[in-house]
Amino acid sequence: VIVATPPVSHPDIACYFLERGIPVLCEKPLCLSVS
């Protein structure tokens, strides 16, 4: 899955797919914080 949404939504969307075993390519910026 490619995540190309606003950065604020990247962590939730990426983790949703990652937790289901689906590789993710996330657009930059990756997210808004180190955590």
Full PDB file with SEQRES, HELIX, SHEET, SSBOND, CRYST1, ORIGX, SCALE, CONECT and MASTER records, all heavy atoms in Angstrom:
SEQRES   1 A   35  VAL ILE VAL ALA THR PRO PRO VAL SER HIS PRO ASP ILE          
SEQRES   2 A   35  ALA CYS TYR PHE LEU GLU ARG GLY ILE PRO VAL LEU CYS          
SEQRES   3 A   35  GLU LYS PRO LEU CYS LEU SER VAL SER                          
HELIX    1 AA1 PRO A    7  SER A    9  5                                   3    
HELIX    2 AA2 HIS A   10  LEU A   18  1                                   9    
SHEET    1 AA1 2 ILE A   2  VAL A   3  0                                        
SHEET    2 AA1 2 LEU A  25  CYS A  26  1                                        
CRYST1    1.000    1.000    1.000  90.00  90.00  90.00 P 1           1          
ORIGX1      1.000000  0.000000  0.000000        0.00000                         
ORIGX2      0.000000  1.000000  0.000000        0.00000                         
ORIGX3      0.000000  0.000000  1.000000        0.00000                         
SCALE1      1.000000  0.000000  0.000000        0.00000                         
SCALE2      0.000000  1.000000  0.000000        0.00000                         
SCALE3      0.000000  0.000000  1.000000        0.00000                         
ATOM      1  N   VAL A   1       0.848  -1.190   0.000  1.00  0.00           N  
ATOM      2  CA  VAL A   1       0.000   0.000   0.000  1.00  0.00           C  
ATOM      3  C   VAL A   1       0.880   1.236   0.000  1.00  0.00           C  
ATOM      4  O   VAL A   1       1.927   1.267   0.658  1.00  0.00           O  
ATOM      5  CB  VAL A   1      -0.921   0.019   1.248  1.00  0.00           C  
ATOM      6  CG1 VAL A   1      -1.625   1.351   1.384  1.00  0.00           C  
ATOM      7  CG2 VAL A   1      -1.930  -1.103   1.179  1.00  0.00           C  
ATOM      8  N   ILE A   2       0.442   2.242  -0.728  1.00  0.00           N  
ATOM      9  CA  ILE A   2       1.099   3.547  -0.730  1.00  0.00           C  
ATOM     10  C   ILE A   2       0.201   4.500   0.047  1.00  0.00           C  
ATOM     11  O   ILE A   2      -1.001   4.576  -0.221  1.00  0.00           O  
ATOM     12  CB  ILE A   2       1.296   4.068  -2.166  1.00  0.00           C  
ATOM     13  CG1 ILE A   2       2.182   3.106  -2.955  1.00  0.00           C  
ATOM     14  CG2 ILE A   2       1.888   5.484  -2.146  1.00  0.00           C  
ATOM     15  CD1 ILE A   2       2.156   3.321  -4.450  1.00  0.00           C  
ATOM     16  N   VAL A   3       0.793   5.216   0.994  1.00  0.00           N  
ATOM     17  CA  VAL A   3       0.050   6.196   1.787  1.00  0.00           C  
ATOM     18  C   VAL A   3       0.446   7.583   1.291  1.00  0.00           C  
ATOM     19  O   VAL A   3       1.598   7.997   1.437  1.00  0.00           O  
ATOM     20  CB  VAL A   3       0.339   6.043   3.295  1.00  0.00           C  
ATOM     21  CG1 VAL A   3      -0.417   7.106   4.082  1.00  0.00           C  
ATOM     22  CG2 VAL A   3      -0.035   4.644   3.767  1.00  0.00           C  
ATOM     23  N   ALA A   4      -0.500   8.285   0.686  1.00  0.00           N  
ATOM     24  CA  ALA A   4      -0.251   9.603   0.098  1.00  0.00           C  
ATOM     25  C   ALA A   4      -1.304  10.593   0.589  1.00  0.00           C  
ATOM     26  O   ALA A   4      -1.903  11.324  -0.192  1.00  0.00           O  
ATOM     27  CB  ALA A   4      -0.253   9.505  -1.426  1.00  0.00           C  
ATOM     28  N   THR A   5      -1.521  10.587   1.869  1.00  0.00           N  
ATOM     29  CA  THR A   5      -2.483  11.471   2.515  1.00  0.00           C  
ATOM     30  C   THR A   5      -1.722  12.580   3.242  1.00  0.00           C  
ATOM     31  O   THR A   5      -0.491  12.560   3.273  1.00  0.00           O  
ATOM     32  CB  THR A   5      -3.317  10.664   3.530  1.00  0.00           C  
ATOM     33  OG1 THR A   5      -2.423  10.036   4.451  1.00  0.00           O  
ATOM     34  CG2 THR A   5      -4.175   9.615   2.843  1.00  0.00           C  
ATOM     35  N   PRO A   6      -2.403  13.531   3.861  1.00  0.00           N  
ATOM     36  CA  PRO A   6      -1.687  14.528   4.661  1.00  0.00           C  
ATOM     37  C   PRO A   6      -0.883  13.844   5.785  1.00  0.00           C  
ATOM     38  O   PRO A   6      -1.326  12.839   6.353  1.00  0.00           O  
ATOM     39  CB  PRO A   6      -2.814  15.396   5.233  1.00  0.00           C  
ATOM     40  CG  PRO A   6      -3.910  15.268   4.217  1.00  0.00           C  
ATOM     41  CD  PRO A   6      -3.833  13.841   3.753  1.00  0.00           C  
ATOM     42  N   PRO A   7       0.301  14.363   6.086  1.00  0.00           N  
ATOM     43  CA  PRO A   7       1.201  13.722   7.060  1.00  0.00           C  
ATOM     44  C   PRO A   7       0.587  13.435   8.421  1.00  0.00           C  
ATOM     45  O   PRO A   7       0.958  12.453   9.070  1.00  0.00           O  
ATOM     46  CB  PRO A   7       2.359  14.713   7.184  1.00  0.00           C  
ATOM     47  CG  PRO A   7       2.341  15.468   5.908  1.00  0.00           C  
ATOM     48  CD  PRO A   7       0.904  15.540   5.480  1.00  0.00           C  
ATOM     49  N   VAL A   8      -0.354  14.220   8.856  1.00  0.00           N  
ATOM     50  CA  VAL A   8      -0.973  13.988  10.167  1.00  0.00           C  
ATOM     51  C   VAL A   8      -1.668  12.630  10.226  1.00  0.00           C  
ATOM     52  O   VAL A   8      -1.784  12.026  11.293  1.00  0.00           O  
ATOM     53  CB  VAL A   8      -1.934  15.141  10.543  1.00  0.00           C  
ATOM     54  CG1 VAL A   8      -3.170  15.141   9.653  1.00  0.00           C  
ATOM     55  CG2 VAL A   8      -2.301  15.077  12.009  1.00  0.00           C  
ATOM     56  N   SER A   9      -2.099  12.123   9.075  1.00  0.00           N  
ATOM     57  CA  SER A   9      -2.816  10.844   9.040  1.00  0.00           C  
ATOM     58  C   SER A   9      -1.904   9.647   8.763  1.00  0.00           C  
ATOM     59  O   SER A   9      -2.343   8.499   8.870  1.00  0.00           O  
ATOM     60  CB  SER A   9      -3.920  10.895   7.982  1.00  0.00           C  
ATOM     61  OG  SER A   9      -3.365  11.034   6.692  1.00  0.00           O  
ATOM     62  N   HIS A  10      -0.658   9.879   8.413  1.00  0.00           N  
ATOM     63  CA  HIS A  10       0.242   8.784   8.050  1.00  0.00           C  
ATOM     64  C   HIS A  10       0.389   7.702   9.122  1.00  0.00           C  
ATOM     65  O   HIS A  10       0.295   6.510   8.790  1.00  0.00           O  
ATOM     66  CB  HIS A  10       1.626   9.323   7.673  1.00  0.00           C  
ATOM     67  CG  HIS A  10       1.653  10.040   6.364  1.00  0.00           C  
ATOM     68  ND1 HIS A  10       2.790  10.655   5.884  1.00  0.00           N  
ATOM     69  CD2 HIS A  10       0.693  10.258   5.430  1.00  0.00           C  
ATOM     70  CE1 HIS A  10       2.542  11.218   4.718  1.00  0.00           C  
ATOM     71  NE2 HIS A  10       1.260  10.989   4.427  1.00  0.00           N  
ATOM     72  N   PRO A  11       0.647   8.062  10.389  1.00  0.00           N  
ATOM     73  CA  PRO A  11       0.866   6.992  11.381  1.00  0.00           C  
ATOM     74  C   PRO A  11      -0.317   6.030  11.516  1.00  0.00           C  
ATOM     75  O   PRO A  11      -0.118   4.803  11.518  1.00  0.00           O  
ATOM     76  CB  PRO A  11       1.110   7.755  12.684  1.00  0.00           C  
ATOM     77  CG  PRO A  11       1.644   9.078  12.239  1.00  0.00           C  
ATOM     78  CD  PRO A  11       0.892   9.386  10.973  1.00  0.00           C  
ATOM     79  N   ASP A  12      -1.516   6.547  11.621  1.00  0.00           N  
ATOM     80  CA  ASP A  12      -2.671   5.665  11.797  1.00  0.00           C  
ATOM     81  C   ASP A  12      -2.900   4.781  10.580  1.00  0.00           C  
ATOM     82  O   ASP A  12      -3.156   3.581  10.713  1.00  0.00           O  
ATOM     83  CB  ASP A  12      -3.937   6.471  12.095  1.00  0.00           C  
ATOM     84  CG  ASP A  12      -3.931   7.064  13.498  1.00  0.00           C  
ATOM     85  OD1 ASP A  12      -3.160   6.581  14.360  1.00  0.00           O  
ATOM     86  OD2 ASP A  12      -4.700   8.014  13.731  1.00  0.00           O  
ATOM     87  N   ILE A  13      -2.808   5.351   9.402  1.00  0.00           N  
ATOM     88  CA  ILE A  13      -3.044   4.574   8.183  1.00  0.00           C  
ATOM     89  C   ILE A  13      -1.933   3.560   7.974  1.00  0.00           C  
ATOM     90  O   ILE A  13      -2.191   2.378   7.709  1.00  0.00           O  
ATOM     91  CB  ILE A  13      -3.191   5.504   6.957  1.00  0.00           C  
ATOM     92  CG1 ILE A  13      -4.450   6.365   7.104  1.00  0.00           C  
ATOM     93  CG2 ILE A  13      -3.243   4.685   5.662  1.00  0.00           C  
ATOM     94  CD1 ILE A  13      -4.565   7.481   6.084  1.00  0.00           C  
ATOM     95  N   ALA A  14      -0.681   3.989   8.094  1.00  0.00           N  
ATOM     96  CA  ALA A  14       0.445   3.068   7.898  1.00  0.00           C  
ATOM     97  C   ALA A  14       0.383   1.919   8.896  1.00  0.00           C  
ATOM     98  O   ALA A  14       0.526   0.748   8.515  1.00  0.00           O  
ATOM     99  CB  ALA A  14       1.763   3.821   8.007  1.00  0.00           C  
ATOM    100  N   CYS A  15       0.160   2.227  10.163  1.00  0.00           N  
ATOM    101  CA  CYS A  15       0.106   1.177  11.189  1.00  0.00           C  
ATOM    102  C   CYS A  15      -1.058   0.226  10.951  1.00  0.00           C  
ATOM    103  O   CYS A  15      -0.935  -0.982  11.182  1.00  0.00           O  
ATOM    104  CB  CYS A  15       0.040   1.790  12.584  1.00  0.00           C  
ATOM    105  SG  CYS A  15       1.623   2.490  13.106  1.00  0.00           S  
ATOM    106  N   TYR A  16      -2.162   0.732  10.460  1.00  0.00           N  
ATOM    107  CA  TYR A  16      -3.315  -0.118  10.161  1.00  0.00           C  
ATOM    108  C   TYR A  16      -2.905  -1.227   9.189  1.00  0.00           C  
ATOM    109  O   TYR A  16      -3.223  -2.404   9.397  1.00  0.00           O  
ATOM    110  CB  TYR A  16      -4.459   0.717   9.587  1.00  0.00           C  
ATOM    111  CG  TYR A  16      -5.710  -0.081   9.333  1.00  0.00           C  
ATOM    112  CD1 TYR A  16      -6.642  -0.271  10.341  1.00  0.00           C  
ATOM    113  CD2 TYR A  16      -5.959  -0.652   8.095  1.00  0.00           C  
ATOM    114  CE1 TYR A  16      -7.787  -1.017  10.127  1.00  0.00           C  
ATOM    115  CE2 TYR A  16      -7.099  -1.406   7.868  1.00  0.00           C  
ATOM    116  CZ  TYR A  16      -8.009  -1.583   8.878  1.00  0.00           C  
ATOM    117  OH  TYR A  16      -9.141  -2.341   8.664  1.00  0.00           O  
ATOM    118  N   PHE A  17      -2.209  -0.868   8.124  1.00  0.00           N  
ATOM    119  CA  PHE A  17      -1.794  -1.864   7.135  1.00  0.00           C  
ATOM    120  C   PHE A  17      -0.627  -2.707   7.630  1.00  0.00           C  
ATOM    121  O   PHE A  17      -0.614  -3.926   7.433  1.00  0.00           O  
ATOM    122  CB  PHE A  17      -1.461  -1.185   5.801  1.00  0.00           C  
ATOM    123  CG  PHE A  17      -2.685  -0.730   5.069  1.00  0.00           C  
ATOM    124  CD1 PHE A  17      -3.054   0.600   5.069  1.00  0.00           C  
ATOM    125  CD2 PHE A  17      -3.489  -1.634   4.393  1.00  0.00           C  
ATOM    126  CE1 PHE A  17      -4.201   1.031   4.412  1.00  0.00           C  
ATOM    127  CE2 PHE A  17      -4.641  -1.225   3.736  1.00  0.00           C  
ATOM    128  CZ  PHE A  17      -4.992   0.114   3.744  1.00  0.00           C  
ATOM    129  N   LEU A  18       0.347  -2.078   8.272  1.00  0.00           N  
ATOM    130  CA  LEU A  18       1.501  -2.822   8.778  1.00  0.00           C  
ATOM    131  C   LEU A  18       1.066  -3.902   9.759  1.00  0.00           C  
ATOM    132  O   LEU A  18       1.569  -5.031   9.707  1.00  0.00           O  
ATOM    133  CB  LEU A  18       2.491  -1.863   9.437  1.00  0.00           C  
ATOM    134  CG  LEU A  18       3.199  -0.899   8.490  1.00  0.00           C  
ATOM    135  CD1 LEU A  18       3.908   0.196   9.272  1.00  0.00           C  
ATOM    136  CD2 LEU A  18       4.152  -1.634   7.562  1.00  0.00           C  
ATOM    137  N   GLU A  19       0.153  -3.579  10.635  1.00  0.00           N  
ATOM    138  CA  GLU A  19      -0.331  -4.549  11.619  1.00  0.00           C  
ATOM    139  C   GLU A  19      -1.064  -5.712  10.972  1.00  0.00           C  
ATOM    140  O   GLU A  19      -1.247  -6.762  11.587  1.00  0.00           O  
ATOM    141  CB  GLU A  19      -1.221  -3.852  12.650  1.00  0.00           C  
ATOM    142  CG  GLU A  19      -0.421  -2.935  13.561  1.00  0.00           C  
ATOM    143  CD  GLU A  19      -1.264  -1.956  14.359  1.00  0.00           C  
ATOM    144  OE1 GLU A  19      -2.507  -1.939  14.193  1.00  0.00           O  
ATOM    145  OE2 GLU A  19      -0.669  -1.184  15.133  1.00  0.00           O  
ATOM    146  N   ARG A  20      -1.473  -5.554   9.729  1.00  0.00           N  
ATOM    147  CA  ARG A  20      -2.123  -6.627   8.977  1.00  0.00           C  
ATOM    148  C   ARG A  20      -1.146  -7.333   8.043  1.00  0.00           C  
ATOM    149  O   ARG A  20      -1.545  -8.121   7.188  1.00  0.00           O  
ATOM    150  CB  ARG A  20      -3.313  -6.065   8.200  1.00  0.00           C  
ATOM    151  CG  ARG A  20      -4.476  -5.801   9.132  1.00  0.00           C  
ATOM    152  CD  ARG A  20      -5.414  -4.718   8.664  1.00  0.00           C  
ATOM    153  NE  ARG A  20      -6.466  -4.522   9.654  1.00  0.00           N  
ATOM    154  CZ  ARG A  20      -6.299  -3.861  10.808  1.00  0.00           C  
ATOM    155  NH1 ARG A  20      -5.144  -3.315  11.101  1.00  0.00           N  
ATOM    156  NH2 ARG A  20      -7.287  -3.737  11.667  1.00  0.00           N  
ATOM    157  N   GLY A  21       0.142  -7.020   8.186  1.00  0.00           N  
ATOM    158  CA  GLY A  21       1.172  -7.696   7.403  1.00  0.00           C  
ATOM    159  C   GLY A  21       1.322  -7.205   5.981  1.00  0.00           C  
ATOM    160  O   GLY A  21       1.863  -7.910   5.138  1.00  0.00           O  
ATOM    161  N   ILE A  22       0.869  -5.994   5.707  1.00  0.00           N  
ATOM    162  CA  ILE A  22       0.953  -5.443   4.351  1.00  0.00           C  
ATOM    163  C   ILE A  22       2.058  -4.390   4.307  1.00  0.00           C  
ATOM    164  O   ILE A  22       2.018  -3.421   5.062  1.00  0.00           O  
ATOM    165  CB  ILE A  22      -0.393  -4.830   3.922  1.00  0.00           C  
ATOM    166  CG1 ILE A  22      -1.486  -5.899   3.947  1.00  0.00           C  
ATOM    167  CG2 ILE A  22      -0.280  -4.192   2.532  1.00  0.00           C  
ATOM    168  CD1 ILE A  22      -2.886  -5.363   3.762  1.00  0.00           C  
ATOM    169  N   PRO A  23       3.046  -4.561   3.439  1.00  0.00           N  
ATOM    170  CA  PRO A  23       4.115  -3.563   3.317  1.00  0.00           C  
ATOM    171  C   PRO A  23       3.559  -2.195   2.932  1.00  0.00           C  
ATOM    172  O   PRO A  23       2.562  -2.096   2.215  1.00  0.00           O  
ATOM    173  CB  PRO A  23       4.994  -4.126   2.197  1.00  0.00           C  
ATOM    174  CG  PRO A  23       4.731  -5.597   2.213  1.00  0.00           C  
ATOM    175  CD  PRO A  23       3.268  -5.719   2.574  1.00  0.00           C  
ATOM    176  N   VAL A  24       4.243  -1.140   3.421  1.00  0.00           N  
ATOM    177  CA  VAL A  24       3.769   0.230   3.214  1.00  0.00           C  
ATOM    178  C   VAL A  24       4.900   1.111   2.690  1.00  0.00           C  
ATOM    179  O   VAL A  24       6.006   1.107   3.221  1.00  0.00           O  
ATOM    180  CB  VAL A  24       3.230   0.826   4.534  1.00  0.00           C  
ATOM    181  CG1 VAL A  24       2.926   2.311   4.385  1.00  0.00           C  
ATOM    182  CG2 VAL A  24       1.987   0.070   4.997  1.00  0.00           C  
ATOM    183  N   LEU A  25       4.572   1.886   1.654  1.00  0.00           N  
ATOM    184  CA  LEU A  25       5.402   2.984   1.177  1.00  0.00           C  
ATOM    185  C   LEU A  25       4.655   4.246   1.582  1.00  0.00           C  
ATOM    186  O   LEU A  25       3.519   4.458   1.156  1.00  0.00           O  
ATOM    187  CB  LEU A  25       5.564   2.942  -0.343  1.00  0.00           C  
ATOM    188  CG  LEU A  25       6.182   4.187  -0.977  1.00  0.00           C  
ATOM    189  CD1 LEU A  25       7.653   4.305  -0.594  1.00  0.00           C  
ATOM    190  CD2 LEU A  25       6.013   4.159  -2.485  1.00  0.00           C  
ATOM    191  N   CYS A  26       5.283   5.058   2.416  1.00  0.00           N  
ATOM    192  CA  CYS A  26       4.623   6.256   2.936  1.00  0.00           C  
ATOM    193  C   CYS A  26       5.262   7.495   2.308  1.00  0.00           C  
ATOM    194  O   CYS A  26       6.486   7.627   2.281  1.00  0.00           O  
ATOM    195  CB  CYS A  26       4.766   6.285   4.457  1.00  0.00           C  
ATOM    196  SG  CYS A  26       3.755   7.533   5.251  1.00  0.00           S  
ATOM    197  N   GLU A  27       4.426   8.390   1.833  1.00  0.00           N  
ATOM    198  CA  GLU A  27       4.925   9.650   1.277  1.00  0.00           C  
ATOM    199  C   GLU A  27       5.563  10.488   2.374  1.00  0.00           C  
ATOM    200  O   GLU A  27       5.297  10.307   3.555  1.00  0.00           O  
ATOM    201  CB  GLU A  27       3.781  10.424   0.617  1.00  0.00           C  
ATOM    202  CG  GLU A  27       3.699  10.265  -0.869  1.00  0.00           C  
ATOM    203  CD  GLU A  27       4.957  10.649  -1.619  1.00  0.00           C  
ATOM    204  OE1 GLU A  27       5.644  11.631  -1.274  1.00  0.00           O  
ATOM    205  OE2 GLU A  27       5.265   9.950  -2.586  1.00  0.00           O  
ATOM    206  N   LYS A  28       6.386  11.418   1.944  1.00  0.00           N  
ATOM    207  CA  LYS A  28       7.023  12.332   2.890  1.00  0.00           C  
ATOM    208  C   LYS A  28       6.219  13.614   3.006  1.00  0.00           C  
ATOM    209  O   LYS A  28       5.463  13.920   2.085  1.00  0.00           O  
ATOM    210  CB  LYS A  28       8.459  12.612   2.465  1.00  0.00           C  
ATOM    211  CG  LYS A  28       8.565  13.251   1.089  1.00  0.00           C  
ATOM    212  CD  LYS A  28       9.988  13.453   0.689  1.00  0.00           C  
ATOM    213  CE  LYS A  28       9.968  14.203  -0.627  1.00  0.00           C  
ATOM    214  NZ  LYS A  28      11.198  14.576  -1.140  1.00  0.00           N  
ATOM    215  N   PRO A  29       6.336  14.334   4.082  1.00  0.00           N  
ATOM    216  CA  PRO A  29       7.067  13.940   5.277  1.00  0.00           C  
ATOM    217  C   PRO A  29       6.400  12.748   5.951  1.00  0.00           C  
ATOM    218  O   PRO A  29       5.181  12.598   5.916  1.00  0.00           O  
ATOM    219  CB  PRO A  29       7.037  15.172   6.168  1.00  0.00           C  
ATOM    220  CG  PRO A  29       5.879  15.971   5.703  1.00  0.00           C  
ATOM    221  CD  PRO A  29       5.692  15.649   4.242  1.00  0.00           C  
ATOM    222  N   LEU A  30       7.228  11.922   6.556  1.00  0.00           N  
ATOM    223  CA  LEU A  30       6.749  10.676   7.145  1.00  0.00           C  
ATOM    224  C   LEU A  30       5.672  10.918   8.193  1.00  0.00           C  
ATOM    225  O   LEU A  30       4.635  10.250   8.194  1.00  0.00           O  
ATOM    226  CB  LEU A  30       7.928   9.913   7.760  1.00  0.00           C  
ATOM    227  CG  LEU A  30       7.617   8.547   8.335  1.00  0.00           C  
ATOM    228  CD1 LEU A  30       7.075   7.616   7.262  1.00  0.00           C  
ATOM    229  CD2 LEU A  30       8.863   7.956   8.971  1.00  0.00           C  
ATOM    230  N   CYS A  31       5.917  11.859   9.089  1.00  0.00           N  
ATOM    231  CA  CYS A  31       4.965  12.141  10.165  1.00  0.00           C  
ATOM    232  C   CYS A  31       5.358  13.456  10.837  1.00  0.00           C  
ATOM    233  O   CYS A  31       6.252  14.151  10.356  1.00  0.00           O  
ATOM    234  CB  CYS A  31       4.921  10.992  11.164  1.00  0.00           C  
ATOM    235  SG  CYS A  31       6.535  10.564  11.807  1.00  0.00           S  
ATOM    236  N   LEU A  32       4.723  13.754  11.946  1.00  0.00           N  
ATOM    237  CA  LEU A  32       4.944  15.041  12.597  1.00  0.00           C  
ATOM    238  C   LEU A  32       5.798  14.969  13.850  1.00  0.00           C  
ATOM    239  O   LEU A  32       6.127  16.006  14.421  1.00  0.00           O  
ATOM    240  CB  LEU A  32       3.602  15.694  12.924  1.00  0.00           C  
ATOM    241  CG  LEU A  32       2.665  15.896  11.726  1.00  0.00           C  
ATOM    242  CD1 LEU A  32       1.371  16.542  12.180  1.00  0.00           C  
ATOM    243  CD2 LEU A  32       3.333  16.710  10.630  1.00  0.00           C  
ATOM    244  N   SER A  33       6.157  13.762  14.295  1.00  0.00           N  
ATOM    245  CA  SER A  33       6.993  13.648  15.498  1.00  0.00           C  
ATOM    246  C   SER A  33       7.832  12.382  15.462  1.00  0.00           C  
ATOM    247  O   SER A  33       7.509  11.422  14.745  1.00  0.00           O  
ATOM    248  CB  SER A  33       6.115  13.639  16.757  1.00  0.00           C  
ATOM    249  OG  SER A  33       5.419  12.408  16.857  1.00  0.00           O  
ATOM    250  N   VAL A  34       8.873  12.382  16.249  1.00  0.00           N  
ATOM    251  CA  VAL A  34       9.737  11.211  16.359  1.00  0.00           C  
ATOM    252  C   VAL A  34       8.957  10.029  16.925  1.00  0.00           C  
ATOM    253  O   VAL A  34       9.102   8.895  16.456  1.00  0.00           O  
ATOM    254  CB  VAL A  34      10.976  11.522  17.227  1.00  0.00           C  
ATOM    255  CG1 VAL A  34      11.776  10.269  17.520  1.00  0.00           C  
ATOM    256  CG2 VAL A  34      11.848  12.571  16.541  1.00  0.00           C  
ATOM    257  N   SER A  35       8.113  10.271  17.908  1.00  0.00           N  
ATOM    258  CA  SER A  35       7.360   9.170  18.510  1.00  0.00           C  
ATOM    259  C   SER A  35       6.423   8.504  17.494  1.00  0.00           C  
ATOM    260  O   SER A  35       6.235   7.282  17.522  1.00  0.00           O  
ATOM    261  CB  SER A  35       6.584   9.634  19.743  1.00  0.00           C  
ATOM    262  OG  SER A  35       5.597  10.577  19.390  1.00  0.00           O  
TER     263      SER A  35                                                      
MASTER        0    0    0    2    2    0    0    6  262    1    0    3          
END                                                                             
